[in-house]
Amino acid sequence: MIDFTFTEEQRQLQDLARRFAEKEVRPIAAEYDGRPDPRDSFAAEASRKACELGFHAMLVPEEHGGMGLGMMDFCLVIEELAAADIGFAMNFGVSCAISKMIADHANKEQCERWLRPYVDTSGSTHHLLAFGGTEPSGGTEIFCPEPNPEYGTRSTARREGDHYVLNGAKNFITNASRSELYGCMMRSDKSKANFESNSVFFLGPDTPGFSVGKLENKMGHRLMSNGELIFDNVRLSRDDMLGQEGNGVPILAGTLGVNSLGAGALALGLARTAYDMAVDYAKQRVIWGRPITQYQTIGNMLVDMKMHLETTRLLVQRVAWAVDNKIHGDTVHHSMVKVYASEMARKVTQDALQVLGGSGYMKDYPAEKYVRDAMVIPIYDGTNQVLRQFMAMDMYQA
């Protein structure tokens, strides 16, 4: 039987994340969001404190030093962080997904080499992970299902004996310049179809030939560092490859399930905060002697916002529950979480701004920030358009 009643441990974890977000993230979010240079927008001290609480290692198994939490736990924490600032939360959502990718596919030696330093908070202050998938030709291109080898990932990993030489560029990469370990998907055999010829590699930031290029000056999500990764004759060994050669697309596709639930939790946190702001404002805004909550048009808007939130929460928790209970179905429901939640966040944040009227358009209120932050969610981790295309292929094509 499906039961979304939280355990005592989950309630404590949720409360811990909420108290941390309210104390450490919310007070600084507006200031960091307003900094004009993206190099100055990363909240390093708050990130360090979040890592000390283990929020970067939620999905790392206990045997490798992590918290060994489930997807429901992960979603609860990410929602609370996103309620304070979605860009800050995104840093940890992405890192957790990549750490799970490593834990699921790495051998014992790789787990010790990659995960142990990552979960150990006694050294580096970042403890974040990044993964280079999206390329200048587009993020959708790397998932090209066509058999023609001309299409798909453009960055290459040319084999030379027991080593691979990596060349190419990745862009719009979360945690660029802030990661202590970078993953990437490279085309290791361009004579084969895209689905059969990608491989995943991991490397440190000081690897010769690797560099971080431009950091993006974004519309929203400004507390999340986002930029370009450049590979110029980067030489790696077979031990730096995750899984088997040519198995990169299935490895990355498996991670998208975590990303989809993460996107759902991110959207929930953001939309919840926008809704709460709109309700507080509407209760205090008096027109013709009455708070505007008492007028049907505003009351109906707020009710619709609340219904969208609760529907999304049920979808996120339903899929997270299925993962935690090892009910493994197709990827359709994961994609539904991302598509539905991201479009909900756009709708709710825009309606929240509308409730505030002219005040919502001014930077005196955070409404305009919430709208900016919401606009990118239907774009990242697979655009909603391409996810709908893949869902239609799974659901309706023989």
Protein backbone atom coordinates (compact mmCIF):
# COMPACT_ATOMS: atom_id res chain seq x y z
CA MET A 1 0.00 0.00 0.00
CA ILE A 2 1.24 3.49 -0.83
CA ASP A 3 1.98 5.45 2.33
CA PHE A 4 3.42 8.95 2.23
CA THR A 5 3.49 9.31 6.00
CA PHE A 6 6.97 10.48 6.90
CA THR A 7 9.03 8.57 9.40
CA GLU A 8 10.36 10.36 12.47
CA GLU A 9 13.81 10.38 10.83
CA GLN A 10 12.38 12.01 7.70
CA ARG A 11 10.59 14.67 9.72
CA GLN A 12 13.81 15.45 11.55
CA LEU A 13 15.73 15.62 8.27
CA GLN A 14 13.11 17.93 6.75
CA ASP A 15 13.21 20.15 9.83
CA LEU A 16 17.01 20.25 9.76
CA ALA A 17 17.02 21.30 6.11
CA ARG A 18 14.32 23.91 6.71
CA ARG A 19 16.11 25.46 9.69
CA PHE A 20 19.42 25.52 7.80
CA ALA A 21 17.83 27.10 4.74
CA GLU A 22 16.05 29.77 6.78
CA LYS A 23 19.17 30.64 8.78
CA GLU A 24 21.98 30.32 6.25
CA VAL A 25 20.51 30.71 2.76
CA ARG A 26 17.40 32.90 2.74
CA PRO A 27 19.09 35.93 4.42
CA ILE A 28 21.80 36.07 1.72
CA ALA A 29 19.85 34.97 -1.36
CA ALA A 30 18.76 38.41 -2.58
CA GLU A 31 22.22 39.91 -2.11
CA TYR A 32 24.00 37.15 -4.01
CA ASP A 33 21.32 37.11 -6.69
CA GLY A 34 21.90 40.82 -7.28
CA ARG A 35 25.67 40.63 -7.68
CA PRO A 36 26.45 41.52 -11.31
CA ASP A 37 29.47 39.25 -11.74
CA PRO A 38 28.59 35.53 -11.75
CA ARG A 39 31.99 34.78 -10.23
CA ASP A 40 30.78 36.53 -7.06
CA SER A 41 27.35 34.89 -6.86
CA PHE A 42 28.37 31.55 -5.37
CA ALA A 43 27.55 31.33 -1.66
CA ALA A 44 30.72 29.52 -0.61
CA GLU A 45 30.28 29.71 3.16
CA ALA A 46 26.68 28.50 3.11
CA SER A 47 27.72 25.73 0.73
CA ARG A 48 30.47 24.64 3.10
CA LYS A 49 28.02 24.49 6.00
CA ALA A 50 25.54 22.48 3.92
CA CYS A 51 28.26 19.96 3.14
CA GLU A 52 29.11 19.66 6.84
CA LEU A 53 25.48 18.57 7.33
CA GLY A 54 25.95 15.96 4.60
CA PHE A 55 23.55 17.44 2.05
CA HIS A 56 26.07 16.77 -0.74
CA ALA A 57 26.33 13.09 0.20
CA MET A 58 22.68 12.15 0.69
CA LEU A 59 22.67 9.55 -2.09
CA VAL A 60 26.16 8.14 -1.45
CA PRO A 61 25.86 4.69 0.19
CA GLU A 62 27.01 4.40 3.79
CA GLU A 63 29.69 1.92 2.77
CA HIS A 64 31.39 4.75 0.89
CA GLY A 65 31.01 7.25 3.71
CA GLY A 66 27.74 8.87 2.63
CA MET A 67 24.33 9.21 4.27
CA GLY A 68 22.75 6.40 2.26
CA LEU A 69 19.37 8.13 2.06
CA GLY A 70 16.48 7.36 -0.26
CA MET A 71 14.82 9.45 -2.95
CA MET A 72 12.03 10.65 -0.67
CA ASP A 73 14.64 11.96 1.78
CA PHE A 74 16.51 13.62 -1.08
CA CYS A 75 13.37 15.34 -2.35
CA LEU A 76 12.47 16.63 1.11
CA VAL A 77 15.87 18.27 1.57
CA ILE A 78 16.06 19.73 -1.94
CA GLU A 79 12.57 21.25 -1.61
CA GLU A 80 13.52 22.97 1.65
CA LEU A 81 16.76 24.34 0.21
CA ALA A 82 14.93 25.54 -2.91
CA ALA A 83 12.35 27.32 -0.78
CA ALA A 84 15.21 29.56 0.36
CA ASP A 85 16.99 29.77 -3.00
CA ILE A 86 16.60 27.44 -5.96
CA GLY A 87 20.05 28.12 -7.41
CA PHE A 88 21.72 27.14 -4.15
CA ALA A 89 19.58 23.99 -3.99
CA MET A 90 20.41 23.14 -7.61
CA ASN A 91 24.11 22.88 -6.73
CA PHE A 92 23.33 20.05 -4.32
CA GLY A 93 20.65 18.36 -6.41
CA VAL A 94 23.07 17.97 -9.31
CA SER A 95 25.95 16.87 -7.08
CA CYS A 96 23.80 14.19 -5.46
CA ALA A 97 22.70 12.84 -8.84
CA ILE A 98 26.30 12.58 -10.06
CA SER A 99 27.44 10.92 -6.84
CA LYS A 100 24.72 8.32 -7.29
CA MET A 101 25.88 7.76 -10.87
CA ILE A 102 29.35 6.98 -9.57
CA ALA A 103 28.07 4.75 -6.76
CA ASP A 104 25.87 2.79 -9.17
CA HIS A 105 28.50 2.18 -11.87
CA ALA A 106 32.00 2.57 -10.42
CA ASN A 107 34.19 -0.29 -9.30
CA LYS A 108 35.54 -0.47 -5.76
CA GLU A 109 38.80 1.32 -6.57
CA GLN A 110 36.97 4.15 -8.32
CA CYS A 111 34.56 4.59 -5.43
CA GLU A 112 37.48 4.95 -3.06
CA ARG A 113 39.23 7.37 -5.40
CA TRP A 114 36.21 9.52 -6.27
CA LEU A 115 33.59 9.20 -3.53
CA ARG A 116 35.76 9.08 -0.39
CA PRO A 117 37.34 12.51 -0.98
CA TYR A 118 33.96 13.89 -2.02
CA VAL A 119 32.14 12.95 1.19
CA ASP A 120 35.08 13.98 3.43
CA THR A 121 34.42 17.59 4.46
CA SER A 122 37.73 18.12 6.25
CA GLY A 123 39.53 19.45 3.17
CA SER A 124 38.14 21.39 0.21
CA THR A 125 35.35 23.86 0.90
CA HIS A 126 33.35 23.03 -2.23
CA HIS A 127 32.52 19.31 -2.21
CA LEU A 128 30.40 19.62 -5.31
CA LEU A 129 30.36 17.59 -8.50
CA ALA A 130 29.82 18.60 -12.11
CA PHE A 131 28.99 16.65 -15.24
CA GLY A 132 29.57 17.78 -18.82
CA GLY A 133 26.81 16.55 -21.07
CA THR A 134 25.33 19.54 -22.89
CA GLU A 135 27.39 20.79 -25.84
CA PRO A 136 27.30 23.99 -27.92
CA SER A 137 25.20 22.08 -30.47
CA GLY A 138 22.57 21.53 -27.75
CA GLY A 139 21.78 19.29 -24.81
CA THR A 140 19.25 17.29 -26.82
CA GLU A 141 21.88 16.31 -29.38
CA ILE A 142 23.70 13.98 -27.00
CA PHE A 143 20.56 11.82 -26.69
CA CYS A 144 20.11 11.45 -30.44
CA PRO A 145 18.52 8.00 -31.09
CA GLU A 146 19.20 8.01 -34.83
CA PRO A 147 21.47 5.26 -36.22
CA ASN A 148 23.42 7.71 -38.40
CA PRO A 149 26.84 8.18 -36.73
CA GLU A 150 26.99 11.78 -37.95
CA TYR A 151 24.51 12.79 -35.27
CA GLY A 152 24.99 12.90 -31.51
CA THR A 153 27.79 13.86 -29.13
CA ARG A 154 30.51 15.88 -30.84
CA SER A 155 33.21 15.83 -28.14
CA THR A 156 35.55 12.90 -28.63
CA ALA A 157 37.67 10.43 -26.67
CA ARG A 158 40.21 8.99 -29.11
CA ARG A 159 41.82 5.79 -27.93
CA GLU A 160 45.61 5.61 -27.88
CA GLY A 161 46.77 2.30 -26.44
CA ASP A 162 45.58 2.10 -22.83
CA HIS A 163 44.66 5.78 -22.78
CA TYR A 164 42.05 8.12 -24.22
CA VAL A 165 42.64 11.63 -25.54
CA LEU A 166 39.65 13.91 -24.95
CA ASN A 167 38.81 16.95 -27.07
CA GLY A 168 35.76 19.18 -27.24
CA ALA A 169 33.66 21.54 -25.16
CA LYS A 170 30.65 21.35 -22.88
CA ASN A 171 28.51 24.33 -21.90
CA PHE A 172 25.86 25.42 -19.40
CA ILE A 173 27.41 23.01 -16.87
CA THR A 174 26.21 23.27 -13.27
CA ASN A 175 28.97 23.72 -10.68
CA ALA A 176 31.55 24.70 -13.29
CA SER A 177 34.55 26.23 -11.49
CA ARG A 178 33.19 25.00 -8.14
CA SER A 179 33.61 21.24 -8.50
CA GLU A 180 36.36 19.04 -7.15
CA LEU A 181 35.55 16.31 -9.69
CA TYR A 182 34.22 16.61 -13.23
CA GLY A 183 32.44 13.97 -15.24
CA CYS A 184 31.89 14.12 -18.98
CA MET A 185 30.32 12.14 -21.79
CA MET A 186 32.52 11.73 -24.85
CA ARG A 187 32.16 9.98 -28.20
CA SER A 188 34.65 7.11 -28.09
CA ASP A 189 33.81 5.63 -31.52
CA LYS A 190 32.33 7.94 -34.13
CA SER A 191 31.88 5.09 -36.59
CA LYS A 192 28.96 3.78 -34.50
CA ALA A 193 25.54 5.22 -33.73
CA ASN A 194 25.36 7.73 -30.90
CA PHE A 195 23.63 5.36 -28.46
CA GLU A 196 26.43 2.82 -28.89
CA SER A 197 29.49 5.04 -28.90
CA ASN A 198 29.49 7.33 -25.86
CA SER A 199 31.64 6.78 -22.80
CA VAL A 200 31.73 8.50 -19.40
CA PHE A 201 34.96 9.76 -17.83
CA PHE A 202 35.85 11.53 -14.58
CA LEU A 203 38.78 13.84 -13.97
CA GLY A 204 40.09 16.36 -11.48
CA PRO A 205 40.07 20.13 -12.08
CA ASP A 206 43.88 20.23 -12.36
CA THR A 207 44.12 17.61 -15.12
CA PRO A 208 46.43 18.90 -17.92
CA GLY A 209 44.46 20.14 -20.91
CA PHE A 210 41.23 20.65 -18.95
CA SER A 211 39.93 24.11 -18.11
CA VAL A 212 36.79 25.99 -17.19
CA GLY A 213 35.86 28.66 -19.71
CA LYS A 214 33.24 31.36 -19.50
CA LEU A 215 30.89 31.45 -16.53
CA GLU A 216 27.35 32.26 -17.66
CA ASN A 217 25.69 35.52 -16.61
CA LYS A 218 22.23 34.07 -16.10
CA MET A 219 18.73 35.49 -15.78
CA GLY A 220 18.02 33.44 -12.65
CA HIS A 221 19.49 30.61 -10.57
CA ARG A 222 22.31 33.05 -9.94
CA LEU A 223 23.61 31.31 -6.82
CA MET A 224 24.38 28.33 -9.05
CA SER A 225 27.70 28.50 -10.91
CA ASN A 226 27.16 27.59 -14.55
CA GLY A 227 29.76 27.58 -17.30
CA GLU A 228 31.85 26.03 -20.03
CA LEU A 229 34.20 23.04 -19.79
CA ILE A 230 37.06 22.82 -22.31
CA PHE A 231 38.97 19.65 -23.18
CA ASP A 232 42.20 20.17 -25.12
CA ASN A 233 44.04 16.87 -25.60
CA VAL A 234 43.17 15.71 -22.09
CA ARG A 235 44.85 12.35 -21.58
CA LEU A 236 43.03 9.85 -19.32
CA SER A 237 43.48 6.16 -18.58
CA ARG A 238 40.94 3.35 -18.76
CA ASP A 239 40.69 3.61 -14.97
CA ASP A 240 39.15 7.08 -15.44
CA MET A 241 36.25 5.63 -17.42
CA LEU A 242 32.99 4.89 -15.59
CA GLY A 243 31.48 1.59 -16.62
CA GLN A 244 32.10 0.07 -20.02
CA GLU A 245 33.20 1.80 -23.18
CA GLY A 246 30.20 2.77 -25.29
CA ASN A 247 27.76 2.59 -22.38
CA GLY A 248 27.63 6.30 -21.68
CA VAL A 249 24.07 7.01 -22.80
CA PRO A 250 22.46 4.36 -20.56
CA ILE A 251 24.59 5.53 -17.62
CA LEU A 252 23.54 9.14 -18.08
CA ALA A 253 19.92 8.21 -18.79
CA GLY A 254 19.78 6.41 -15.45
CA THR A 255 20.86 9.59 -13.71
CA LEU A 256 18.10 11.58 -15.38
CA GLY A 257 15.59 9.85 -13.11
CA VAL A 258 17.28 11.44 -10.10
CA ASN A 259 17.51 14.75 -11.95
CA SER A 260 13.80 14.64 -12.77
CA LEU A 261 12.82 14.11 -9.15
CA GLY A 262 15.32 16.76 -8.15
CA ALA A 263 13.76 19.18 -10.63
CA GLY A 264 10.34 18.38 -9.19
CA ALA A 265 11.54 19.12 -5.66
CA LEU A 266 13.28 22.31 -6.82
CA ALA A 267 10.11 23.50 -8.53
CA LEU A 268 8.05 22.70 -5.44
CA GLY A 269 10.31 24.68 -3.13
CA LEU A 270 10.35 27.71 -5.40
CA ALA A 271 6.60 27.69 -6.10
CA ARG A 272 5.78 27.13 -2.42
CA THR A 273 7.72 30.23 -1.45
CA ALA A 274 6.10 32.30 -4.20
CA TYR A 275 2.65 31.13 -3.10
CA ASP A 276 3.34 31.93 0.57
CA MET A 277 4.53 35.40 -0.40
CA ALA A 278 1.39 36.02 -2.48
CA VAL A 279 -0.91 34.88 0.34
CA ASP A 280 0.84 37.08 2.91
CA TYR A 281 0.64 40.09 0.62
CA ALA A 282 -3.00 39.50 -0.32
CA LYS A 283 -4.05 39.28 3.33
CA GLN A 284 -2.48 42.66 4.04
CA ARG A 285 -3.44 44.46 0.84
CA VAL A 286 -6.73 46.26 1.47
CA ILE A 287 -8.90 47.55 -1.39
CA TRP A 288 -12.30 49.18 -0.78
CA GLY A 289 -12.15 48.22 2.86
CA ARG A 290 -11.41 44.51 2.40
CA PRO A 291 -8.25 42.38 2.01
CA ILE A 292 -7.97 41.31 -1.61
CA THR A 293 -8.17 37.64 -0.55
CA GLN A 294 -11.87 38.29 -0.10
CA TYR A 295 -12.35 39.16 -3.77
CA GLN A 296 -13.27 36.20 -5.93
CA THR A 297 -10.69 36.77 -8.65
CA ILE A 298 -7.76 36.86 -6.21
CA GLY A 299 -9.14 34.12 -3.98
CA ASN A 300 -9.58 31.82 -6.97
CA MET A 301 -6.03 32.51 -8.15
CA LEU A 302 -4.61 31.60 -4.76
CA VAL A 303 -6.72 28.44 -4.55
CA ASP A 304 -5.56 27.35 -8.01
CA MET A 305 -1.94 27.96 -7.02
CA LYS A 306 -2.39 25.80 -3.92
CA MET A 307 -4.02 23.00 -5.94
CA HIS A 308 -1.15 23.02 -8.43
CA LEU A 309 1.33 22.77 -5.57
CA GLU A 310 -0.44 19.88 -3.86
CA THR A 311 -0.89 17.97 -7.13
CA THR A 312 2.80 18.34 -7.91
CA ARG A 313 3.78 17.24 -4.41
CA LEU A 314 1.73 14.06 -4.79
CA LEU A 315 3.36 13.28 -8.14
CA VAL A 316 6.87 13.85 -6.80
CA GLN A 317 6.25 11.73 -3.71
CA ARG A 318 4.51 8.98 -5.69
CA VAL A 319 7.52 8.52 -7.97
CA ALA A 320 10.04 8.89 -5.12
CA TRP A 321 8.11 6.27 -3.14
CA ALA A 322 8.20 3.90 -6.12
CA VAL A 323 11.98 4.27 -6.42
CA ASP A 324 12.54 3.73 -2.69
CA ASN A 325 10.34 0.63 -2.79
CA LYS A 326 12.18 -0.72 -5.83
CA ILE A 327 9.11 -0.55 -8.06
CA HIS A 328 11.03 0.03 -11.25
CA GLY A 329 8.90 0.97 -14.22
CA ASP A 330 9.70 2.93 -17.35
CA THR A 331 11.09 6.45 -17.40
CA VAL A 332 7.79 8.04 -18.37
CA HIS A 333 6.72 8.93 -14.83
CA HIS A 334 10.12 10.45 -14.04
CA SER A 335 9.79 12.67 -17.09
CA MET A 336 6.23 13.54 -16.09
CA VAL A 337 7.51 14.80 -12.75
CA LYS A 338 9.99 17.14 -14.40
CA VAL A 339 7.61 18.42 -17.09
CA TYR A 340 4.59 18.93 -14.83
CA ALA A 341 6.49 20.42 -11.90
CA SER A 342 8.52 22.84 -14.01
CA GLU A 343 5.47 24.18 -15.82
CA MET A 344 3.65 24.45 -12.49
CA ALA A 345 6.50 26.57 -11.11
CA ARG A 346 6.33 28.96 -14.04
CA LYS A 347 2.56 29.31 -13.64
CA VAL A 348 2.57 29.76 -9.86
CA THR A 349 5.42 32.29 -9.79
CA GLN A 350 3.83 34.36 -12.55
CA ASP A 351 0.47 34.31 -10.79
CA ALA A 352 2.16 35.27 -7.54
CA LEU A 353 3.65 38.31 -9.25
CA GLN A 354 0.20 39.14 -10.65
CA VAL A 355 -1.33 39.06 -7.16
CA LEU A 356 1.18 41.68 -6.07
CA GLY A 357 0.31 43.86 -9.07
CA GLY A 358 2.75 46.68 -9.76
CA SER A 359 4.64 45.94 -6.56
CA GLY A 360 5.44 42.47 -7.86
CA TYR A 361 7.31 43.95 -10.80
CA MET A 362 9.59 45.95 -8.54
CA LYS A 363 12.73 44.62 -6.93
CA ASP A 364 11.42 45.70 -3.53
CA TYR A 365 9.66 42.31 -3.49
CA PRO A 366 11.16 38.93 -4.45
CA ALA A 367 8.31 38.12 -6.85
CA GLU A 368 10.33 39.09 -9.92
CA LYS A 369 13.23 36.91 -8.73
CA TYR A 370 10.95 33.92 -8.37
CA VAL A 371 9.72 34.39 -11.94
CA ARG A 372 13.29 34.64 -13.23
CA ASP A 373 14.27 31.52 -11.31
CA ALA A 374 11.29 29.55 -12.65
CA MET A 375 11.86 30.26 -16.33
CA VAL A 376 14.78 27.86 -16.80
CA ILE A 377 13.30 24.76 -15.12
CA PRO A 378 11.44 23.60 -18.27
CA ILE A 379 14.73 23.97 -20.17
CA TYR A 380 17.36 22.13 -18.13
CA ASP A 381 17.73 18.36 -17.62
CA GLY A 382 16.09 17.81 -20.98
CA THR A 383 13.74 20.43 -22.37
CA ASN A 384 10.07 19.72 -21.76
CA GLN A 385 9.58 19.49 -25.50
CA VAL A 386 12.12 16.71 -25.99
CA LEU A 387 10.93 14.90 -22.86
CA ARG A 388 7.41 14.91 -24.26
CA GLN A 389 8.83 13.50 -27.49
CA PHE A 390 10.56 10.66 -25.64
CA MET A 391 7.45 9.98 -23.55
CA ALA A 392 5.36 9.76 -26.70
CA MET A 393 7.88 7.35 -28.23
CA ASP A 394 7.71 5.13 -25.14
CA MET A 395 3.95 5.28 -24.78
CA TYR A 396 2.61 5.14 -28.32
CA GLN A 397 5.19 3.66 -30.65
CA ALA A 398 5.38 -0.09 -31.13
